[in-house]
Amino acid sequence: MVFLRPQSQTVSGYAIGIYFVPKSLPSAHYQKGEIAMHIYIVFAHPSKKSFTWEVLEVFTQGLRDANHTFEICDLYEMNFVTDMDLDQYTRESSLDVDAQVPQDVKREQDKIDRADALVFVYPVWWSDCPAKLKGWFDRVWAYGYAYYYENGEHLISKIQIEKALVLCSAGHTVEHLEETGIAESMRQIMLNDRLLGVGVKAADMEILGGMVEHDEAVRLKNLARAYQLGRDF
């Protein structure tokens, strides 16, 4: 887990520290004096040599340049347990709002509670997020936190997040994912069910596609887009 505070930096070249930033980035809309946000970022990819890791780097550089603060949860690095065991399953199926959740789940919920916004960064694997992230949702979106019932009615979630962004890399082009209906199914599941369905007020998805051909121009275009999404967040 990494907690970073904003630093005053000027984008003038190809790299800032370890953050790659294309030279042709468009200017940002952020103006000094605007209210900054604290963002909790959930990252799900096993390799720090991956394009998805590069996306995380440039996106967070954009957040820095916009004066936001952020906290990163690297699910693979922290070895987050994503399999729901029998004890937690028993807790979930009991529908007991006051039942204690596992400590690792409570830590994730606490990090969400102190954030204004959520961002998920991951690759598209078989038309969805990696199993590591799916398991995070299974465990962290616990009964009594992400949803609960009273008198048979579904009550409002305890999650109070202003907005969420899903930022995912993909081998297929965005056009292919749209034509085949995969992109729409991803939006329905990730945005409507997992985010908007549990109290997040606004959610959007950005697919950085076309990476299977290893085209450098496509790579740079996608990284520029990821940086701008952070800068304009």
C-alpha atoms as a PDB file:
ATOM      1  CA  MET A   1       0.000   0.000   0.000  1.00  0.00           C
ATOM      2  CA  VAL A   2       1.351   3.438  -0.948  1.00  0.00           C
ATOM      3  CA  PHE A   3       0.028   6.786   0.253  1.00  0.00           C
ATOM      4  CA  LEU A   4       1.183   9.735  -1.787  1.00  0.00           C
ATOM      5  CA  ARG A   5       0.561  13.422  -1.311  1.00  0.00           C
ATOM      6  CA  PRO A   6       0.603  15.902  -4.183  1.00  0.00           C
ATOM      7  CA  GLN A   7       3.879  17.397  -5.274  1.00  0.00           C
ATOM      8  CA  SER A   8       4.477  20.509  -7.335  1.00  0.00           C
ATOM      9  CA  GLN A   9       5.799  19.268 -10.670  1.00  0.00           C
ATOM     10  CA  THR A  10       5.905  20.489 -14.247  1.00  0.00           C
ATOM     11  CA  VAL A  11       5.345  18.157 -17.181  1.00  0.00           C
ATOM     12  CA  SER A  12       7.945  19.188 -19.702  1.00  0.00           C
ATOM     13  CA  GLY A  13       9.439  15.984 -21.057  1.00  0.00           C
ATOM     14  CA  TYR A  14       9.022  12.294 -21.450  1.00  0.00           C
ATOM     15  CA  ALA A  15       9.517  11.266 -17.838  1.00  0.00           C
ATOM     16  CA  ILE A  16       9.013  12.494 -14.302  1.00  0.00           C
ATOM     17  CA  GLY A  17      10.773  10.149 -11.893  1.00  0.00           C
ATOM     18  CA  ILE A  18       9.454   6.702 -12.718  1.00  0.00           C
ATOM     19  CA  TYR A  19       6.354   8.127 -14.361  1.00  0.00           C
ATOM     20  CA  PHE A  20       6.363   8.073 -18.143  1.00  0.00           C
ATOM     21  CA  VAL A  21       4.469  10.997 -19.623  1.00  0.00           C
ATOM     22  CA  PRO A  22       4.212  11.546 -23.392  1.00  0.00           C
ATOM     23  CA  LYS A  23       5.476  14.939 -24.494  1.00  0.00           C
ATOM     24  CA  SER A  24       2.340  15.720 -26.476  1.00  0.00           C
ATOM     25  CA  LEU A  25      -0.085  15.604 -23.543  1.00  0.00           C
ATOM     26  CA  PRO A  26      -2.944  18.123 -23.806  1.00  0.00           C
ATOM     27  CA  SER A  27      -3.166  20.878 -21.213  1.00  0.00           C
ATOM     28  CA  ALA A  28      -5.102  20.163 -18.013  1.00  0.00           C
ATOM     29  CA  HIS A  29      -8.343  21.803 -16.901  1.00  0.00           C
ATOM     30  CA  TYR A  30      -7.301  21.884 -13.257  1.00  0.00           C
ATOM     31  CA  GLN A  31      -7.035  25.360 -11.773  1.00  0.00           C
ATOM     32  CA  LYS A  32      -5.355  26.245  -8.498  1.00  0.00           C
ATOM     33  CA  GLY A  33      -7.920  26.637  -5.751  1.00  0.00           C
ATOM     34  CA  GLU A  34     -10.206  23.842  -6.889  1.00  0.00           C
ATOM     35  CA  ILE A  35     -11.110  21.315  -4.205  1.00  0.00           C
ATOM     36  CA  ALA A  36      -8.819  18.303  -4.291  1.00  0.00           C
ATOM     37  CA  MET A  37     -10.056  14.771  -3.642  1.00  0.00           C
ATOM     38  CA  HIS A  38      -8.660  11.726  -1.896  1.00  0.00           C
ATOM     39  CA  ILE A  39      -8.834   8.680  -4.145  1.00  0.00           C
ATOM     40  CA  TYR A  40      -8.541   5.011  -3.233  1.00  0.00           C
ATOM     41  CA  ILE A  41      -7.050   3.056  -6.149  1.00  0.00           C
ATOM     42  CA  VAL A  42      -7.429  -0.708  -6.375  1.00  0.00           C
ATOM     43  CA  PHE A  43      -4.819  -2.165  -8.743  1.00  0.00           C
ATOM     44  CA  ALA A  44      -5.057  -5.745  -9.980  1.00  0.00           C
ATOM     45  CA  HIS A  45      -2.190  -7.050 -12.110  1.00  0.00           C
ATOM     46  CA  PRO A  46       0.641  -9.402 -11.082  1.00  0.00           C
ATOM     47  CA  SER A  47       3.394  -7.666 -13.099  1.00  0.00           C
ATOM     48  CA  LYS A  48       5.058  -4.305 -12.625  1.00  0.00           C
ATOM     49  CA  LYS A  49       6.470  -4.673 -16.149  1.00  0.00           C
ATOM     50  CA  SER A  50       3.010  -4.712 -17.681  1.00  0.00           C
ATOM     51  CA  PHE A  51       1.247  -2.039 -19.700  1.00  0.00           C
ATOM     52  CA  THR A  52      -1.403  -1.939 -16.967  1.00  0.00           C
ATOM     53  CA  TRP A  53       1.295  -0.909 -14.476  1.00  0.00           C
ATOM     54  CA  GLU A  54       2.333   1.887 -16.848  1.00  0.00           C
ATOM     55  CA  VAL A  55      -1.295   3.004 -16.931  1.00  0.00           C
ATOM     56  CA  LEU A  56      -1.310   3.183 -13.140  1.00  0.00           C
ATOM     57  CA  GLU A  57       1.902   5.218 -13.149  1.00  0.00           C
ATOM     58  CA  VAL A  58       0.748   7.868 -15.597  1.00  0.00           C
ATOM     59  CA  PHE A  59      -2.762   8.049 -14.150  1.00  0.00           C
ATOM     60  CA  THR A  60      -1.405   8.708 -10.657  1.00  0.00           C
ATOM     61  CA  GLN A  61       0.989  11.287 -12.082  1.00  0.00           C
ATOM     62  CA  GLY A  62      -2.072  13.067 -13.448  1.00  0.00           C
ATOM     63  CA  LEU A  63      -3.668  12.940 -10.001  1.00  0.00           C
ATOM     64  CA  ARG A  64      -0.527  14.451  -8.500  1.00  0.00           C
ATOM     65  CA  ASP A  65      -0.500  17.247 -11.037  1.00  0.00           C
ATOM     66  CA  ALA A  66      -4.147  17.977 -10.188  1.00  0.00           C
ATOM     67  CA  ASN A  67      -3.231  18.215  -6.485  1.00  0.00           C
ATOM     68  CA  HIS A  68      -5.231  15.149  -5.442  1.00  0.00           C
ATOM     69  CA  THR A  69      -4.094  12.664  -2.802  1.00  0.00           C
ATOM     70  CA  PHE A  70      -4.377   8.947  -3.313  1.00  0.00           C
ATOM     71  CA  GLU A  71      -3.795   5.569  -1.737  1.00  0.00           C
ATOM     72  CA  ILE A  72      -2.998   2.449  -3.770  1.00  0.00           C
ATOM     73  CA  CYS A  73      -4.075  -1.080  -2.966  1.00  0.00           C
ATOM     74  CA  ASP A  74      -1.965  -3.498  -5.034  1.00  0.00           C
ATOM     75  CA  LEU A  75      -3.920  -6.723  -4.596  1.00  0.00           C
ATOM     76  CA  TYR A  76      -1.119  -8.986  -5.816  1.00  0.00           C
ATOM     77  CA  GLU A  77       1.680  -7.283  -3.902  1.00  0.00           C
ATOM     78  CA  MET A  78      -0.261  -7.323  -0.630  1.00  0.00           C
ATOM     79  CA  ASN A  79      -1.385 -10.900  -1.368  1.00  0.00           C
ATOM     80  CA  PHE A  80      -4.967 -10.032  -0.527  1.00  0.00           C
ATOM     81  CA  VAL A  81      -6.957 -13.187   0.213  1.00  0.00           C
ATOM     82  CA  THR A  82      -9.737 -13.205  -2.352  1.00  0.00           C
ATOM     83  CA  ASP A  83     -11.285 -16.616  -1.645  1.00  0.00           C
ATOM     84  CA  MET A  84     -14.235 -16.371   0.711  1.00  0.00           C
ATOM     85  CA  ASP A  85     -13.778 -19.046   3.374  1.00  0.00           C
ATOM     86  CA  LEU A  86     -16.528 -20.901   5.208  1.00  0.00           C
ATOM     87  CA  ASP A  87     -16.473 -18.544   8.206  1.00  0.00           C
ATOM     88  CA  GLN A  88     -17.091 -15.459   6.097  1.00  0.00           C
ATOM     89  CA  TYR A  89     -19.647 -17.246   3.954  1.00  0.00           C
ATOM     90  CA  THR A  90     -21.524 -18.213   7.129  1.00  0.00           C
ATOM     91  CA  ARG A  91     -21.391 -14.592   8.264  1.00  0.00           C
ATOM     92  CA  GLU A  92     -22.681 -13.327   4.910  1.00  0.00           C
ATOM     93  CA  SER A  93     -25.513 -15.836   4.670  1.00  0.00           C
ATOM     94  CA  SER A  94     -26.643 -15.127   8.243  1.00  0.00           C
ATOM     95  CA  LEU A  95     -27.669 -11.580   7.172  1.00  0.00           C
ATOM     96  CA  ASP A  96     -26.518 -10.261  10.535  1.00  0.00           C
ATOM     97  CA  VAL A  97     -25.630  -6.572  10.166  1.00  0.00           C
ATOM     98  CA  ASP A  98     -23.712  -6.541  13.444  1.00  0.00           C
ATOM     99  CA  ALA A  99     -21.590  -9.641  12.750  1.00  0.00           C
ATOM    100  CA  GLN A 100     -17.870  -8.857  12.711  1.00  0.00           C
ATOM    101  CA  VAL A 101     -16.068  -8.944   9.366  1.00  0.00           C
ATOM    102  CA  PRO A 102     -12.505 -10.289   8.955  1.00  0.00           C
ATOM    103  CA  GLN A 103      -9.785  -7.767   9.792  1.00  0.00           C
ATOM    104  CA  ASP A 104      -8.395  -7.592   6.251  1.00  0.00           C
ATOM    105  CA  VAL A 105     -11.883  -6.798   4.969  1.00  0.00           C
ATOM    106  CA  LYS A 106     -12.369  -4.141   7.659  1.00  0.00           C
ATOM    107  CA  ARG A 107      -9.079  -2.477   6.660  1.00  0.00           C
ATOM    108  CA  GLU A 108     -10.264  -2.228   3.058  1.00  0.00           C
ATOM    109  CA  GLN A 109     -13.612  -0.795   4.139  1.00  0.00           C
ATOM    110  CA  ASP A 110     -11.851   1.792   6.310  1.00  0.00           C
ATOM    111  CA  LYS A 111      -9.725   2.903   3.348  1.00  0.00           C
ATOM    112  CA  ILE A 112     -12.859   3.264   1.231  1.00  0.00           C
ATOM    113  CA  ASP A 113     -14.569   5.256   3.985  1.00  0.00           C
ATOM    114  CA  ARG A 114     -11.833   7.881   4.056  1.00  0.00           C
ATOM    115  CA  ALA A 115     -11.859   8.300   0.260  1.00  0.00           C
ATOM    116  CA  ASP A 116     -13.941  10.646  -1.862  1.00  0.00           C
ATOM    117  CA  ALA A 117     -13.573   8.511  -4.975  1.00  0.00           C
ATOM    118  CA  LEU A 118     -12.603   5.023  -6.118  1.00  0.00           C
ATOM    119  CA  VAL A 119     -10.520   3.967  -9.112  1.00  0.00           C
ATOM    120  CA  PHE A 120      -9.997   0.418 -10.356  1.00  0.00           C
ATOM    121  CA  VAL A 121      -7.059  -0.316 -12.675  1.00  0.00           C
ATOM    122  CA  TYR A 122      -6.837  -3.772 -14.230  1.00  0.00           C
ATOM    123  CA  PRO A 123      -6.530  -5.729 -17.506  1.00  0.00           C
ATOM    124  CA  VAL A 124      -9.525  -7.237 -19.267  1.00  0.00           C
ATOM    125  CA  TRP A 125      -9.194 -11.005 -18.940  1.00  0.00           C
ATOM    126  CA  TRP A 126     -11.932 -13.119 -20.525  1.00  0.00           C
ATOM    127  CA  SER A 127     -14.325 -10.182 -20.739  1.00  0.00           C
ATOM    128  CA  ASP A 128     -14.043  -9.178 -17.078  1.00  0.00           C
ATOM    129  CA  CYS A 129     -11.600  -8.187 -14.361  1.00  0.00           C
ATOM    130  CA  PRO A 130      -9.000 -10.636 -12.971  1.00  0.00           C
ATOM    131  CA  ALA A 131     -10.290 -13.143 -10.421  1.00  0.00           C
ATOM    132  CA  LYS A 132      -8.185 -11.355  -7.783  1.00  0.00           C
ATOM    133  CA  LEU A 133     -10.338  -8.254  -8.109  1.00  0.00           C
ATOM    134  CA  LYS A 134     -13.603 -10.207  -8.360  1.00  0.00           C
ATOM    135  CA  GLY A 135     -12.692 -11.855  -5.046  1.00  0.00           C
ATOM    136  CA  TRP A 136     -12.013  -8.429  -3.533  1.00  0.00           C
ATOM    137  CA  PHE A 137     -15.588  -7.442  -4.351  1.00  0.00           C
ATOM    138  CA  ASP A 138     -16.922 -10.759  -3.011  1.00  0.00           C
ATOM    139  CA  ARG A 139     -15.297 -10.161   0.370  1.00  0.00           C
ATOM    140  CA  VAL A 140     -15.170  -6.376   0.812  1.00  0.00           C
ATOM    141  CA  TRP A 141     -18.716  -5.682  -0.381  1.00  0.00           C
ATOM    142  CA  ALA A 142     -19.924  -7.443   2.742  1.00  0.00           C
ATOM    143  CA  TYR A 143     -23.448  -7.613   4.121  1.00  0.00           C
ATOM    144  CA  GLY A 144     -24.054  -4.682   6.428  1.00  0.00           C
ATOM    145  CA  TYR A 145     -21.588  -2.537   4.499  1.00  0.00           C
ATOM    146  CA  ALA A 146     -22.287  -2.614   0.758  1.00  0.00           C
ATOM    147  CA  TYR A 147     -25.888  -3.762   1.182  1.00  0.00           C
ATOM    148  CA  TYR A 148     -28.367  -4.876   3.798  1.00  0.00           C
ATOM    149  CA  TYR A 149     -32.059  -5.531   4.251  1.00  0.00           C
ATOM    150  CA  GLU A 150     -34.673  -4.469   6.759  1.00  0.00           C
ATOM    151  CA  ASN A 151     -38.204  -5.829   6.773  1.00  0.00           C
ATOM    152  CA  GLY A 152     -37.486  -7.448   3.440  1.00  0.00           C
ATOM    153  CA  GLU A 153     -36.451  -4.184   1.808  1.00  0.00           C
ATOM    154  CA  HIS A 154     -33.050  -3.366   0.342  1.00  0.00           C
ATOM    155  CA  LEU A 155     -31.695  -0.373   2.240  1.00  0.00           C
ATOM    156  CA  ILE A 156     -29.118   2.207   1.209  1.00  0.00           C
ATOM    157  CA  SER A 157     -25.501   1.120   1.348  1.00  0.00           C
ATOM    158  CA  LYS A 158     -23.042   2.545   3.863  1.00  0.00           C
ATOM    159  CA  ILE A 159     -20.674   3.323   0.990  1.00  0.00           C
ATOM    160  CA  GLN A 160     -20.487   7.091   0.496  1.00  0.00           C
ATOM    161  CA  ILE A 161     -18.382   7.587  -2.617  1.00  0.00           C
ATOM    162  CA  GLU A 162     -18.888  10.551  -4.927  1.00  0.00           C
ATOM    163  CA  LYS A 163     -17.559   8.909  -8.078  1.00  0.00           C
ATOM    164  CA  ALA A 164     -15.650   5.937  -9.411  1.00  0.00           C
ATOM    165  CA  LEU A 165     -13.555   5.312 -12.487  1.00  0.00           C
ATOM    166  CA  VAL A 166     -12.813   1.910 -13.989  1.00  0.00           C
ATOM    167  CA  LEU A 167      -9.626   2.062 -16.044  1.00  0.00           C
ATOM    168  CA  CYS A 168      -8.857  -1.154 -17.869  1.00  0.00           C
ATOM    169  CA  SER A 169      -6.361  -2.216 -20.510  1.00  0.00           C
ATOM    170  CA  ALA A 170      -7.399  -4.606 -23.260  1.00  0.00           C
ATOM    171  CA  GLY A 171      -5.770  -6.563 -26.059  1.00  0.00           C
ATOM    172  CA  HIS A 172      -8.780  -6.169 -28.367  1.00  0.00           C
ATOM    173  CA  THR A 173      -9.659  -2.782 -29.787  1.00  0.00           C
ATOM    174  CA  VAL A 174     -12.470  -0.818 -28.193  1.00  0.00           C
ATOM    175  CA  GLU A 175     -14.347  -1.090 -31.505  1.00  0.00           C
ATOM    176  CA  HIS A 176     -14.212  -4.904 -31.349  1.00  0.00           C
ATOM    177  CA  LEU A 177     -15.349  -4.939 -27.720  1.00  0.00           C
ATOM    178  CA  GLU A 178     -18.270  -2.647 -28.579  1.00  0.00           C
ATOM    179  CA  GLU A 179     -19.296  -4.587 -31.691  1.00  0.00           C
ATOM    180  CA  THR A 180     -19.321  -7.926 -29.874  1.00  0.00           C
ATOM    181  CA  GLY A 181     -21.240  -6.571 -26.888  1.00  0.00           C
ATOM    182  CA  ILE A 182     -18.386  -7.323 -24.486  1.00  0.00           C
ATOM    183  CA  ALA A 183     -17.867  -3.669 -23.557  1.00  0.00           C
ATOM    184  CA  GLU A 184     -21.540  -3.223 -22.725  1.00  0.00           C
ATOM    185  CA  SER A 185     -21.561  -6.363 -20.577  1.00  0.00           C
ATOM    186  CA  MET A 186     -18.485  -5.061 -18.737  1.00  0.00           C
ATOM    187  CA  ARG A 187     -20.247  -1.745 -18.051  1.00  0.00           C
ATOM    188  CA  GLN A 188     -23.410  -3.465 -16.872  1.00  0.00           C
ATOM    189  CA  ILE A 189     -21.557  -5.669 -14.394  1.00  0.00           C
ATOM    190  CA  MET A 190     -18.795  -3.363 -13.187  1.00  0.00           C
ATOM    191  CA  LEU A 191     -20.614  -0.039 -13.205  1.00  0.00           C
ATOM    192  CA  ASN A 192     -24.287  -0.798 -12.677  1.00  0.00           C
ATOM    193  CA  ASP A 193     -24.000  -3.771 -10.340  1.00  0.00           C
ATOM    194  CA  ARG A 194     -20.707  -3.466  -8.452  1.00  0.00           C
ATOM    195  CA  LEU A 195     -20.577   0.339  -8.125  1.00  0.00           C
ATOM    196  CA  LEU A 196     -23.802   2.220  -8.809  1.00  0.00           C
ATOM    197  CA  GLY A 197     -25.717  -0.635  -7.218  1.00  0.00           C
ATOM    198  CA  VAL A 198     -24.049  -0.111  -3.839  1.00  0.00           C
ATOM    199  CA  GLY A 199     -24.277   3.641  -3.375  1.00  0.00           C
ATOM    200  CA  VAL A 200     -21.520   5.075  -5.596  1.00  0.00           C
ATOM    201  CA  LYS A 201     -23.079   8.255  -6.991  1.00  0.00           C
ATOM    202  CA  ALA A 202     -21.401   8.289 -10.419  1.00  0.00           C
ATOM    203  CA  ALA A 203     -19.256   5.741 -12.242  1.00  0.00           C
ATOM    204  CA  ASP A 204     -17.553   5.571 -15.615  1.00  0.00           C
ATOM    205  CA  MET A 205     -15.392   3.090 -17.500  1.00  0.00           C
ATOM    206  CA  GLU A 206     -12.484   3.800 -19.834  1.00  0.00           C
ATOM    207  CA  ILE A 207     -11.127   0.933 -21.932  1.00  0.00           C
ATOM    208  CA  LEU A 208      -7.593   1.401 -23.213  1.00  0.00           C
ATOM    209  CA  GLY A 209      -7.724  -1.123 -26.024  1.00  0.00           C
ATOM    210  CA  GLY A 210      -5.793  -2.332 -29.044  1.00  0.00           C
ATOM    211  CA  MET A 211      -2.727  -3.471 -27.123  1.00  0.00           C
ATOM    212  CA  VAL A 212      -2.408  -6.963 -28.602  1.00  0.00           C
ATOM    213  CA  GLU A 213      -0.503  -5.704 -31.662  1.00  0.00           C
ATOM    214  CA  HIS A 214       2.149  -3.950 -29.534  1.00  0.00           C
ATOM    215  CA  ASP A 215       1.774  -0.813 -31.616  1.00  0.00           C
ATOM    216  CA  GLU A 216       3.860   1.945 -30.032  1.00  0.00           C
ATOM    217  CA  ALA A 217       1.566   4.688 -31.299  1.00  0.00           C
ATOM    218  CA  VAL A 218      -1.439   2.989 -29.705  1.00  0.00           C
ATOM    219  CA  ARG A 219       0.502   2.531 -26.478  1.00  0.00           C
ATOM    220  CA  LEU A 220       1.434   6.213 -26.306  1.00  0.00           C
ATOM    221  CA  LYS A 221      -2.104   7.307 -27.138  1.00  0.00           C
ATOM    222  CA  ASN A 222      -3.516   5.118 -24.372  1.00  0.00           C
ATOM    223  CA  LEU A 223      -0.969   6.366 -21.843  1.00  0.00           C
ATOM    224  CA  ALA A 224      -1.724   9.964 -22.763  1.00  0.00           C
ATOM    225  CA  ARG A 225      -5.421   9.255 -22.203  1.00  0.00           C
ATOM    226  CA  ALA A 226      -4.717   7.642 -18.811  1.00  0.00           C
ATOM    227  CA  TYR A 227      -2.652  10.645 -17.726  1.00  0.00           C
ATOM    228  CA  GLN A 228      -5.381  13.073 -18.803  1.00  0.00           C
ATOM    229  CA  LEU A 229      -8.040  11.101 -16.924  1.00  0.00           C
ATOM    230  CA  GLY A 230      -5.947  11.519 -13.772  1.00  0.00           C
ATOM    231  CA  ARG A 231      -5.293  15.194 -14.437  1.00  0.00           C
ATOM    232  CA  ASP A 232      -8.981  15.913 -15.080  1.00  0.00           C
ATOM    233  CA  PHE A 233     -10.324  13.749 -12.275  1.00  0.00           C
END
